[in-house]
Structures are given as C-alpha cells and as structure tokens.
Amino acid sequence: MRRRNVLLLALVTACGNEGTRPTATQTVLDSADQVLIGMTHYVTETGLQRARVRADTAYFFSATQSAEMRTVHITFYDVTGRETSTLTAHEGTYHWRTGDMEGRGSVVVVTKDGRTLKSEVMRYRQAGNEVSSDKAFVFEAPGGQHIEGEGFTSDPEFKNLVAKHPRGTGGQLRLPNQ
C-alpha cells in the first residue's frame, strides 16, 4: 500500500510539472452579456438624435450598463439634428444610461467645416454636450491654424476649445486670462 501511494504521488507530481497549466483567468470580454457584430446605435436626447454610434464589434455588459467597442465610428448631431462632426477610434466605451462615450487609440474627430482634432483618448459627456481629453492633442483648421496642447475641453463642433498648455501657429487664437 505504501509503495502504491508513493507511485501515485510521483505520477501526480510529474504530470503537474509538464505542459501548460490551465488558468482560471477569464478575460473581461469573455464575460459580456451580449456580443454584436456590425453594431449601429442611435443616441437620442428628448426625442432628438444626438449621435449615431457604429462599431465592428460591441461587447455589452448589463451590470455596468456599458459596451466595449472595436473599430469605432461616431457621428454627432446638434440640437436641430444637423451633423456636426465624426469621431473614429480603434476602440471605445459607451455608457448607455448616461450617453457618455470614450474613444481610445488614434482618435480623430473631423467637423463638417474641415477642422480636425487628434488625440490618443477623447471623451464625450452627453449631459454637458462636451468633448475632452487629458492627453496630448493636435488641432488643425482651414486657414493654417494649428494648436497643440496637453489636454482640452470643447463643444463637439470645436468652436469653443479650451486647451491646457496651448501652443500654435496661424489664424487668430484667443488665449484665456491667466
């Protein structure tokens, strides 16, 4: 009996040291309540369309009322329903309860009149109808205006952009009072 226990212990020990051990780790995306391929979602506020959110893939989580999206394209609309700007990003998060969104990875926003803002992260807060980032950004407008900074807050049309540590060239810049 003792010999059999030693043999069993040796066998268990030998098997435990070879190969890859399975892990109990589960990725966040594996726990999604729903997965949509080719998602389109319309965001409305008091019956008016404010944004159209599209993604190649979206992972919905009921507990946090959010969706993690891949290859994101968001079109923003003003209070009259007129398209104002579009955002593209590698990935993003959409909180459907609040309408807030975040784009991450090569985020580019282009307005209908040709202004462009680029950053690695950009957030949209529906309640305040504002776009912001705490990361470095580059803003370019027709007429040669070029602004760079360490973060910003703006309306979705980028008509009232407030930058942190701004530097730029061309056009007319209005700097805040210090």
N, C-alpha and C. Protein backbone atom coordinates (compact mmCIF):
# COMPACT_ATOMS: atom_id res chain seq x y z
N MET A 1 0.83 -1.19 0.00
CA MET A 1 0.00 0.00 0.00
C MET A 1 0.87 1.24 0.00
N ARG A 2 1.92 1.24 0.80
CA ARG A 2 2.80 2.40 0.88
C ARG A 2 3.47 2.64 -0.47
N ARG A 3 3.87 1.58 -1.14
CA ARG A 3 4.53 1.66 -2.44
C ARG A 3 3.57 2.26 -3.48
N ARG A 4 2.31 1.88 -3.41
CA ARG A 4 1.29 2.39 -4.33
C ARG A 4 1.08 3.90 -4.13
N ASN A 5 1.06 4.41 -2.90
CA ASN A 5 0.90 5.83 -2.60
C ASN A 5 2.08 6.63 -3.11
N VAL A 6 3.31 6.09 -2.96
CA VAL A 6 4.50 6.77 -3.46
C VAL A 6 4.45 6.86 -4.97
N LEU A 7 4.03 5.80 -5.65
CA LEU A 7 3.93 5.79 -7.10
C LEU A 7 2.88 6.79 -7.57
N LEU A 8 1.75 6.84 -6.90
CA LEU A 8 0.69 7.79 -7.24
C LEU A 8 1.16 9.22 -7.03
N LEU A 9 1.87 9.50 -5.93
CA LEU A 9 2.41 10.83 -5.66
C LEU A 9 3.42 11.23 -6.73
N ALA A 10 4.27 10.32 -7.14
CA ALA A 10 5.26 10.59 -8.18
C ALA A 10 4.58 10.89 -9.51
N LEU A 11 3.53 10.15 -9.84
CA LEU A 11 2.79 10.36 -11.08
C LEU A 11 2.10 11.72 -11.09
N VAL A 12 1.46 12.07 -9.99
CA VAL A 12 0.79 13.37 -9.89
C VAL A 12 1.79 14.50 -9.98
N THR A 13 2.91 14.37 -9.31
CA THR A 13 3.95 15.40 -9.34
C THR A 13 4.52 15.55 -10.74
N ALA A 14 4.78 14.46 -11.43
CA ALA A 14 5.34 14.50 -12.78
C ALA A 14 4.37 15.16 -13.75
N CYS A 15 3.10 14.83 -13.65
CA CYS A 15 2.10 15.41 -14.54
C CYS A 15 1.93 16.90 -14.29
N GLY A 16 2.08 17.32 -13.05
CA GLY A 16 1.92 18.72 -12.70
C GLY A 16 3.04 19.60 -13.21
N ASN A 17 4.20 19.07 -13.51
CA ASN A 17 5.35 19.86 -13.95
C ASN A 17 5.48 19.95 -15.46
N GLU A 18 4.70 19.21 -16.20
CA GLU A 18 4.84 19.21 -17.66
C GLU A 18 3.70 19.99 -18.29
N GLY A 19 3.99 20.64 -19.41
CA GLY A 19 2.95 21.32 -20.17
C GLY A 19 2.50 22.62 -19.52
N THR A 20 1.49 23.19 -20.10
CA THR A 20 0.95 24.45 -19.62
C THR A 20 -0.22 24.17 -18.70
N ARG A 21 -0.18 24.77 -17.54
CA ARG A 21 -1.27 24.59 -16.59
C ARG A 21 -2.44 25.48 -17.00
N PRO A 22 -3.67 24.98 -16.92
CA PRO A 22 -4.82 25.83 -17.23
C PRO A 22 -4.96 26.90 -16.15
N THR A 23 -5.44 28.04 -16.56
CA THR A 23 -5.64 29.13 -15.61
C THR A 23 -7.13 29.37 -15.42
N ALA A 24 -7.45 30.00 -14.33
CA ALA A 24 -8.84 30.35 -14.05
C ALA A 24 -9.13 31.77 -14.51
N THR A 25 -8.15 32.42 -15.16
CA THR A 25 -8.32 33.79 -15.60
C THR A 25 -9.30 33.84 -16.77
N GLN A 26 -10.23 34.75 -16.69
CA GLN A 26 -11.21 34.95 -17.74
C GLN A 26 -11.09 36.39 -18.20
N THR A 27 -10.96 36.61 -19.50
CA THR A 27 -10.86 37.98 -19.97
C THR A 27 -12.20 38.68 -19.80
N VAL A 28 -12.14 39.99 -19.69
CA VAL A 28 -13.35 40.78 -19.48
C VAL A 28 -14.33 40.57 -20.62
N LEU A 29 -13.83 40.52 -21.85
CA LEU A 29 -14.73 40.40 -22.99
C LEU A 29 -15.44 39.05 -23.03
N ASP A 30 -14.83 38.02 -22.41
CA ASP A 30 -15.49 36.72 -22.33
C ASP A 30 -16.73 36.76 -21.45
N SER A 31 -16.83 37.76 -20.58
CA SER A 31 -17.96 37.84 -19.66
C SER A 31 -19.08 38.75 -20.17
N ALA A 32 -19.02 39.18 -21.41
CA ALA A 32 -20.04 40.06 -21.97
C ALA A 32 -21.40 39.36 -21.98
N ASP A 33 -22.45 40.14 -21.70
CA ASP A 33 -23.81 39.61 -21.75
C ASP A 33 -24.29 39.42 -23.18
N GLN A 34 -23.82 40.30 -24.08
CA GLN A 34 -24.15 40.21 -25.49
C GLN A 34 -22.95 40.63 -26.30
N VAL A 35 -22.79 40.04 -27.48
CA VAL A 35 -21.75 40.45 -28.42
C VAL A 35 -22.45 40.73 -29.74
N LEU A 36 -22.26 41.94 -30.26
CA LEU A 36 -22.87 42.31 -31.53
C LEU A 36 -21.77 42.55 -32.56
N ILE A 37 -21.95 42.01 -33.74
CA ILE A 37 -21.04 42.23 -34.85
C ILE A 37 -21.74 43.20 -35.80
N GLY A 38 -21.05 44.29 -36.16
CA GLY A 38 -21.66 45.29 -37.04
C GLY A 38 -22.75 46.08 -36.34
N MET A 39 -22.46 46.64 -35.18
CA MET A 39 -23.44 47.35 -34.37
C MET A 39 -23.66 48.78 -34.85
N THR A 40 -24.90 49.22 -34.85
CA THR A 40 -25.27 50.62 -35.04
C THR A 40 -26.28 50.97 -33.96
N HIS A 41 -26.05 52.10 -33.27
CA HIS A 41 -26.92 52.52 -32.18
C HIS A 41 -27.17 54.03 -32.30
N TYR A 42 -28.41 54.45 -32.14
CA TYR A 42 -28.76 55.86 -32.21
C TYR A 42 -28.96 56.40 -30.81
N VAL A 43 -28.25 57.47 -30.48
CA VAL A 43 -28.36 58.11 -29.16
C VAL A 43 -29.29 59.30 -29.32
N THR A 44 -30.34 59.34 -28.50
CA THR A 44 -31.29 60.45 -28.57
C THR A 44 -31.37 61.15 -27.21
N GLU A 45 -31.79 62.40 -27.29
CA GLU A 45 -32.00 63.19 -26.07
C GLU A 45 -33.28 63.98 -26.29
N THR A 46 -34.25 63.79 -25.43
CA THR A 46 -35.58 64.40 -25.55
C THR A 46 -36.16 64.24 -26.96
N GLY A 47 -35.98 63.05 -27.51
CA GLY A 47 -36.54 62.73 -28.82
C GLY A 47 -35.71 63.16 -30.01
N LEU A 48 -34.60 63.85 -29.79
CA LEU A 48 -33.74 64.29 -30.90
C LEU A 48 -32.50 63.43 -30.99
N GLN A 49 -32.13 63.09 -32.22
CA GLN A 49 -30.92 62.30 -32.42
C GLN A 49 -29.69 63.15 -32.11
N ARG A 50 -28.84 62.68 -31.20
CA ARG A 50 -27.62 63.41 -30.82
C ARG A 50 -26.36 62.74 -31.35
N ALA A 51 -26.41 61.40 -31.56
CA ALA A 51 -25.24 60.69 -32.07
C ALA A 51 -25.67 59.37 -32.69
N ARG A 52 -24.86 58.90 -33.63
CA ARG A 52 -25.02 57.56 -34.20
C ARG A 52 -23.70 56.84 -33.92
N VAL A 53 -23.75 55.76 -33.18
CA VAL A 53 -22.57 55.02 -32.77
C VAL A 53 -22.50 53.74 -33.59
N ARG A 54 -21.36 53.52 -34.27
CA ARG A 54 -21.16 52.30 -35.03
C ARG A 54 -19.86 51.65 -34.58
N ALA A 55 -19.85 50.32 -34.60
CA ALA A 55 -18.64 49.58 -34.23
C ALA A 55 -18.63 48.25 -34.97
N ASP A 56 -17.43 47.79 -35.31
CA ASP A 56 -17.32 46.47 -35.92
C ASP A 56 -17.81 45.39 -34.97
N THR A 57 -17.43 45.53 -33.68
CA THR A 57 -17.82 44.57 -32.66
C THR A 57 -18.12 45.34 -31.38
N ALA A 58 -19.18 44.95 -30.68
CA ALA A 58 -19.52 45.58 -29.41
C ALA A 58 -19.84 44.50 -28.39
N TYR A 59 -19.26 44.66 -27.19
CA TYR A 59 -19.46 43.73 -26.08
C TYR A 59 -20.27 44.46 -25.02
N PHE A 60 -21.51 44.02 -24.78
CA PHE A 60 -22.42 44.69 -23.85
C PHE A 60 -22.38 44.04 -22.48
N PHE A 61 -22.33 44.89 -21.44
CA PHE A 61 -22.28 44.45 -20.05
C PHE A 61 -23.45 45.08 -19.30
N SER A 62 -24.43 44.28 -18.90
CA SER A 62 -25.61 44.79 -18.21
C SER A 62 -25.29 45.38 -16.85
N ALA A 63 -24.40 44.75 -16.11
CA ALA A 63 -24.09 45.19 -14.74
C ALA A 63 -23.57 46.63 -14.71
N THR A 64 -22.74 47.01 -15.67
CA THR A 64 -22.19 48.37 -15.71
C THR A 64 -22.91 49.27 -16.70
N GLN A 65 -23.91 48.73 -17.40
CA GLN A 65 -24.66 49.45 -18.43
C GLN A 65 -23.71 50.13 -19.42
N SER A 66 -22.75 49.33 -19.91
CA SER A 66 -21.76 49.86 -20.85
C SER A 66 -21.48 48.85 -21.94
N ALA A 67 -20.84 49.34 -22.98
CA ALA A 67 -20.42 48.49 -24.09
C ALA A 67 -18.98 48.83 -24.44
N GLU A 68 -18.17 47.81 -24.62
CA GLU A 68 -16.80 47.97 -25.11
C GLU A 68 -16.86 47.72 -26.60
N MET A 69 -16.32 48.64 -27.39
CA MET A 69 -16.45 48.56 -28.83
C MET A 69 -15.08 48.53 -29.51
N ARG A 70 -15.04 47.90 -30.68
CA ARG A 70 -13.83 47.85 -31.50
C ARG A 70 -14.12 48.49 -32.85
N THR A 71 -13.15 49.21 -33.38
CA THR A 71 -13.26 49.96 -34.63
C THR A 71 -14.52 50.83 -34.59
N VAL A 72 -14.38 51.96 -33.91
CA VAL A 72 -15.50 52.83 -33.56
C VAL A 72 -15.63 53.99 -34.55
N HIS A 73 -16.86 54.32 -34.89
CA HIS A 73 -17.18 55.48 -35.74
C HIS A 73 -18.43 56.12 -35.14
N ILE A 74 -18.31 57.37 -34.67
CA ILE A 74 -19.45 58.07 -34.04
C ILE A 74 -19.71 59.36 -34.80
N THR A 75 -20.97 59.57 -35.17
CA THR A 75 -21.39 60.81 -35.82
C THR A 75 -22.19 61.59 -34.79
N PHE A 76 -21.82 62.88 -34.60
CA PHE A 76 -22.51 63.75 -33.64
C PHE A 76 -23.44 64.70 -34.39
N TYR A 77 -24.58 65.03 -33.73
CA TYR A 77 -25.58 65.94 -34.31
C TYR A 77 -25.87 67.06 -33.32
N ASP A 78 -26.21 68.25 -33.86
CA ASP A 78 -26.55 69.37 -32.97
C ASP A 78 -28.03 69.27 -32.57
N VAL A 79 -28.52 70.26 -31.83
CA VAL A 79 -29.89 70.22 -31.31
C VAL A 79 -30.95 70.31 -32.42
N THR A 80 -30.56 70.72 -33.62
CA THR A 80 -31.51 70.76 -34.73
C THR A 80 -31.46 69.49 -35.56
N GLY A 81 -30.56 68.55 -35.21
CA GLY A 81 -30.44 67.31 -35.96
C GLY A 81 -29.41 67.37 -37.08
N ARG A 82 -28.69 68.49 -37.17
CA ARG A 82 -27.67 68.67 -38.22
C ARG A 82 -26.37 67.98 -37.79
N GLU A 83 -25.76 67.22 -38.71
CA GLU A 83 -24.49 66.55 -38.43
C GLU A 83 -23.40 67.59 -38.19
N THR A 84 -22.66 67.43 -37.09
CA THR A 84 -21.62 68.40 -36.74
C THR A 84 -20.21 67.85 -36.87
N SER A 85 -20.01 66.60 -36.47
CA SER A 85 -18.66 66.05 -36.51
C SER A 85 -18.71 64.53 -36.44
N THR A 86 -17.59 63.91 -36.80
CA THR A 86 -17.47 62.46 -36.71
C THR A 86 -16.19 62.11 -35.95
N LEU A 87 -16.26 61.03 -35.20
CA LEU A 87 -15.11 60.54 -34.44
C LEU A 87 -14.82 59.12 -34.89
N THR A 88 -13.54 58.83 -35.11
CA THR A 88 -13.12 57.45 -35.36
C THR A 88 -12.03 57.10 -34.35
N ALA A 89 -12.00 55.82 -33.94
CA ALA A 89 -11.02 55.34 -32.97
C ALA A 89 -10.88 53.83 -33.11
N HIS A 90 -9.77 53.32 -32.62
CA HIS A 90 -9.57 51.87 -32.64
C HIS A 90 -10.54 51.15 -31.71
N GLU A 91 -10.81 51.76 -30.55
CA GLU A 91 -11.72 51.15 -29.60
C GLU A 91 -12.38 52.22 -28.76
N GLY A 92 -13.41 51.83 -28.02
CA GLY A 92 -14.09 52.80 -27.18
C GLY A 92 -15.05 52.16 -26.21
N THR A 93 -15.61 53.01 -25.36
CA THR A 93 -16.60 52.58 -24.38
C THR A 93 -17.82 53.48 -24.51
N TYR A 94 -18.99 52.88 -24.44
CA TYR A 94 -20.25 53.62 -24.50
C TYR A 94 -21.06 53.25 -23.26
N HIS A 95 -21.47 54.26 -22.49
CA HIS A 95 -22.31 54.07 -21.31
C HIS A 95 -23.74 54.44 -21.71
N TRP A 96 -24.58 53.42 -21.93
CA TRP A 96 -25.91 53.71 -22.49
C TRP A 96 -26.84 54.39 -21.53
N ARG A 97 -26.64 54.32 -20.24
CA ARG A 97 -27.51 55.01 -19.29
C ARG A 97 -27.31 56.52 -19.36
N THR A 98 -26.04 56.96 -19.48
CA THR A 98 -25.73 58.39 -19.49
C THR A 98 -25.53 58.95 -20.89
N GLY A 99 -25.23 58.09 -21.86
CA GLY A 99 -24.90 58.57 -23.21
C GLY A 99 -23.46 59.00 -23.35
N ASP A 100 -22.66 58.83 -22.30
CA ASP A 100 -21.24 59.21 -22.35
C ASP A 100 -20.45 58.19 -23.16
N MET A 101 -19.41 58.67 -23.82
CA MET A 101 -18.59 57.82 -24.67
C MET A 101 -17.12 58.17 -24.51
N GLU A 102 -16.27 57.19 -24.82
CA GLU A 102 -14.82 57.42 -24.82
C GLU A 102 -14.23 56.68 -26.01
N GLY A 103 -13.37 57.37 -26.77
CA GLY A 103 -12.63 56.74 -27.85
C GLY A 103 -11.17 56.62 -27.43
N ARG A 104 -10.54 55.50 -27.81
CA ARG A 104 -9.14 55.27 -27.46
C ARG A 104 -8.40 54.71 -28.66
N GLY A 105 -7.16 55.16 -28.82
CA GLY A 105 -6.31 54.65 -29.88
C GLY A 105 -6.51 55.38 -31.20
N SER A 106 -5.60 56.29 -31.51
CA SER A 106 -5.64 57.06 -32.77
C SER A 106 -7.01 57.69 -33.00
N VAL A 107 -7.47 58.46 -32.04
CA VAL A 107 -8.77 59.10 -32.13
C VAL A 107 -8.67 60.32 -33.04
N VAL A 108 -9.58 60.43 -33.99
CA VAL A 108 -9.63 61.57 -34.91
C VAL A 108 -11.07 62.06 -34.97
N VAL A 109 -11.25 63.37 -34.76
CA VAL A 109 -12.56 64.00 -34.91
C VAL A 109 -12.46 65.02 -36.02
N VAL A 110 -13.40 64.95 -36.97
CA VAL A 110 -13.43 65.89 -38.10
C VAL A 110 -14.78 66.56 -38.10
N THR A 111 -14.78 67.91 -38.13
CA THR A 111 -16.04 68.66 -38.17
C THR A 111 -16.48 68.82 -39.62
N LYS A 112 -17.74 69.20 -39.82
CA LYS A 112 -18.28 69.38 -41.18
C LYS A 112 -17.56 70.48 -41.95
N ASP A 113 -16.97 71.47 -41.25
CA ASP A 113 -16.28 72.55 -41.97
C ASP A 113 -14.76 72.31 -42.05
N GLY A 114 -14.30 71.09 -41.78
CA GLY A 114 -12.92 70.75 -42.05
C GLY A 114 -11.93 70.88 -40.90
N ARG A 115 -12.38 71.19 -39.70
CA ARG A 115 -11.46 71.23 -38.56
C ARG A 115 -11.22 69.80 -38.07
N THR A 116 -9.98 69.52 -37.66
CA THR A 116 -9.60 68.17 -37.25
C THR A 116 -8.90 68.22 -35.91
N LEU A 117 -9.26 67.30 -35.03
CA LEU A 117 -8.60 67.17 -33.74
C LEU A 117 -8.18 65.72 -33.57
N LYS A 118 -6.90 65.50 -33.17
CA LYS A 118 -6.35 64.15 -32.99
C LYS A 118 -5.79 64.01 -31.58
N SER A 119 -6.03 62.85 -30.98
CA SER A 119 -5.51 62.54 -29.65
C SER A 119 -5.56 61.02 -29.46
N GLU A 120 -4.94 60.52 -28.44
CA GLU A 120 -5.00 59.08 -28.15
C GLU A 120 -6.25 58.71 -27.37
N VAL A 121 -6.82 59.67 -26.66
CA VAL A 121 -8.04 59.42 -25.89
C VAL A 121 -8.94 60.65 -26.00
N MET A 122 -10.23 60.42 -26.20
CA MET A 122 -11.18 61.51 -26.24
C MET A 122 -12.48 61.04 -25.60
N ARG A 123 -13.10 61.93 -24.81
CA ARG A 123 -14.34 61.59 -24.11
C ARG A 123 -15.45 62.54 -24.53
N TYR A 124 -16.67 62.01 -24.61
CA TYR A 124 -17.85 62.83 -24.87
C TYR A 124 -18.78 62.66 -23.67
N ARG A 125 -19.18 63.79 -23.07
CA ARG A 125 -20.11 63.79 -21.94
C ARG A 125 -21.41 64.39 -22.44
N GLN A 126 -22.45 63.55 -22.53
CA GLN A 126 -23.72 64.00 -23.11
C GLN A 126 -24.39 65.07 -22.27
N ALA A 127 -24.37 64.94 -20.96
CA ALA A 127 -25.07 65.90 -20.09
C ALA A 127 -24.58 67.33 -20.33
N GLY A 128 -23.29 67.51 -20.52
CA GLY A 128 -22.74 68.84 -20.78
C GLY A 128 -22.48 69.11 -22.25
N ASN A 129 -22.78 68.12 -23.11
CA ASN A 129 -22.51 68.20 -24.54
C ASN A 129 -21.09 68.72 -24.79
N GLU A 130 -20.11 68.04 -24.17
CA GLU A 130 -18.72 68.47 -24.33
C GLU A 130 -17.79 67.30 -24.64
N VAL A 131 -16.74 67.62 -25.34
CA VAL A 131 -15.70 66.67 -25.71
C VAL A 131 -14.45 67.09 -24.95
N SER A 132 -13.68 66.11 -24.43
CA SER A 132 -12.48 66.47 -23.68
C SER A 132 -11.44 65.36 -23.76
N SER A 133 -10.22 65.72 -23.37
CA SER A 133 -9.13 64.76 -23.26
C SER A 133 -8.12 65.29 -22.26
N ASP A 134 -7.45 64.39 -21.56
CA ASP A 134 -6.36 64.79 -20.69
C ASP A 134 -5.02 64.37 -21.28
N LYS A 135 -5.03 63.98 -22.56
CA LYS A 135 -3.83 63.56 -23.28
C LYS A 135 -3.43 64.63 -24.29
N ALA A 136 -2.23 64.52 -24.80
CA ALA A 136 -1.75 65.46 -25.82
C ALA A 136 -2.68 65.42 -27.04
N PHE A 137 -2.85 66.58 -27.68
CA PHE A 137 -3.72 66.66 -28.85
C PHE A 137 -3.11 67.59 -29.89
N VAL A 138 -3.62 67.47 -31.12
CA VAL A 138 -3.27 68.37 -32.22
C VAL A 138 -4.59 68.78 -32.88
N PHE A 139 -4.78 70.09 -33.04
CA PHE A 139 -5.98 70.64 -33.68
C PHE A 139 -5.54 71.43 -34.89
N GLU A 140 -6.18 71.18 -36.03
CA GLU A 140 -5.89 71.93 -37.26
C GLU A 140 -7.18 72.40 -37.88
N ALA A 141 -7.14 73.63 -38.39
CA ALA A 141 -8.32 74.22 -39.02
C ALA A 141 -7.93 74.82 -40.36
N PRO A 142 -8.90 74.94 -41.27
CA PRO A 142 -8.61 75.60 -42.54
C PRO A 142 -8.06 77.00 -42.30
N GLY A 143 -7.16 77.42 -43.13
CA GLY A 143 -6.55 78.73 -42.96
C GLY A 143 -5.21 78.65 -42.24
N GLY A 144 -4.75 77.45 -41.96
CA GLY A 144 -3.43 77.28 -41.37
C GLY A 144 -3.37 77.29 -39.86
N GLN A 145 -4.50 77.33 -39.18
CA GLN A 145 -4.47 77.32 -37.72
C GLN A 145 -4.04 75.94 -37.23
N HIS A 146 -3.06 75.93 -36.33
CA HIS A 146 -2.51 74.69 -35.78
C HIS A 146 -2.30 74.90 -34.28
N ILE A 147 -2.97 74.09 -33.45
CA ILE A 147 -2.85 74.20 -32.00
C ILE A 147 -2.49 72.83 -31.45
N GLU A 148 -1.55 72.82 -30.52
CA GLU A 148 -1.20 71.60 -29.79
C GLU A 148 -1.32 71.91 -28.31
N GLY A 149 -1.56 70.88 -27.51
CA GLY A 149 -1.66 71.08 -26.07
C GLY A 149 -1.62 69.77 -25.33
N GLU A 150 -1.76 69.85 -24.02
CA GLU A 150 -1.67 68.67 -23.15
C GLU A 150 -3.04 68.14 -22.73
N GLY A 151 -4.08 68.76 -23.17
CA GLY A 151 -5.44 68.35 -22.86
C GLY A 151 -6.37 69.48 -23.26
N PHE A 152 -7.66 69.20 -23.35
CA PHE A 152 -8.61 70.22 -23.78
C PHE A 152 -10.02 69.86 -23.33
N THR A 153 -10.89 70.87 -23.42
CA THR A 153 -12.34 70.71 -23.28
C THR A 153 -12.96 71.55 -24.37
N SER A 154 -14.00 71.02 -25.02
CA SER A 154 -14.61 71.74 -26.14
C SER A 154 -16.05 71.29 -26.34
N ASP A 155 -16.77 72.08 -27.15
CA ASP A 155 -18.06 71.63 -27.65
C ASP A 155 -17.77 70.67 -28.82
N PRO A 156 -18.73 69.80 -29.22
CA PRO A 156 -18.46 68.85 -30.29
C PRO A 156 -18.11 69.48 -31.64
N GLU A 157 -18.44 70.75 -31.83
CA GLU A 157 -18.10 71.42 -33.10
C GLU A 157 -16.73 72.09 -33.04
N PHE A 158 -16.08 72.08 -31.88
CA PHE A 158 -14.76 72.69 -31.66
C PHE A 158 -14.75 74.19 -31.96
N LYS A 159 -15.85 74.85 -31.61
CA LYS A 159 -15.91 76.31 -31.75
C LYS A 159 -15.41 77.00 -30.49
N ASN A 160 -15.50 76.33 -29.35
CA ASN A 160 -15.03 76.89 -28.08
C ASN A 160 -14.09 75.88 -27.43
N LEU A 161 -12.87 75.83 -27.90
CA LEU A 161 -11.87 74.89 -27.42
C LEU A 161 -11.01 75.55 -26.36
N VAL A 162 -10.95 74.95 -25.18
CA VAL A 162 -10.11 75.44 -24.09
C VAL A 162 -9.00 74.41 -23.91
N ALA A 163 -7.74 74.84 -24.16
CA ALA A 163 -6.61 73.92 -24.14
C ALA A 163 -5.74 74.12 -22.91
N LYS A 164 -5.12 73.04 -22.46
CA LYS A 164 -4.13 73.11 -21.39
C LYS A 164 -2.76 73.19 -22.05
N HIS A 165 -1.98 74.19 -21.66
CA HIS A 165 -0.62 74.41 -22.19
C HIS A 165 -0.64 74.52 -23.72
N PRO A 166 -1.45 75.44 -24.27
CA PRO A 166 -1.55 75.54 -25.73
C PRO A 166 -0.31 76.18 -26.36
N ARG A 167 -0.01 75.75 -27.56
CA ARG A 167 0.99 76.38 -28.41
C ARG A 167 0.50 76.18 -29.84
N GLY A 168 0.72 77.18 -30.68
CA GLY A 168 0.19 77.05 -32.03
C GLY A 168 0.68 78.11 -32.97
N THR A 169 0.20 78.01 -34.20
CA THR A 169 0.55 78.94 -35.26
C THR A 169 -0.67 79.22 -36.13
N GLY A 170 -0.63 80.36 -36.82
CA GLY A 170 -1.64 80.70 -37.81
C GLY A 170 -2.98 81.04 -37.22
N GLY A 171 -3.78 81.73 -38.00
CA GLY A 171 -5.13 82.06 -37.58
C GLY A 171 -5.14 82.99 -36.37
N GLN A 172 -6.28 83.18 -35.82
CA GLN A 172 -6.45 84.03 -34.66
C GLN A 172 -6.72 83.14 -33.45
N LEU A 173 -5.90 83.25 -32.43
CA LEU A 173 -6.05 82.47 -31.22
C LEU A 173 -6.52 83.39 -30.10
N ARG A 174 -7.48 82.90 -29.32
CA ARG A 174 -7.93 83.64 -28.14
C ARG A 174 -7.45 82.86 -26.92
N LEU A 175 -6.52 83.44 -26.20
CA LEU A 175 -5.95 82.80 -25.03
C LEU A 175 -6.71 83.22 -23.78
N PRO A 176 -6.90 82.29 -22.84
CA PRO A 176 -7.63 82.65 -21.61
C PRO A 176 -6.78 83.58 -20.74
N ASN A 177 -7.46 84.39 -19.93
CA ASN A 177 -6.75 85.27 -18.99
C ASN A 177 -6.09 84.41 -17.93
N GLN A 178 -4.86 84.72 -17.62
CA GLN A 178 -4.11 83.92 -16.62
C GLN A 178 -4.22 84.55 -15.26
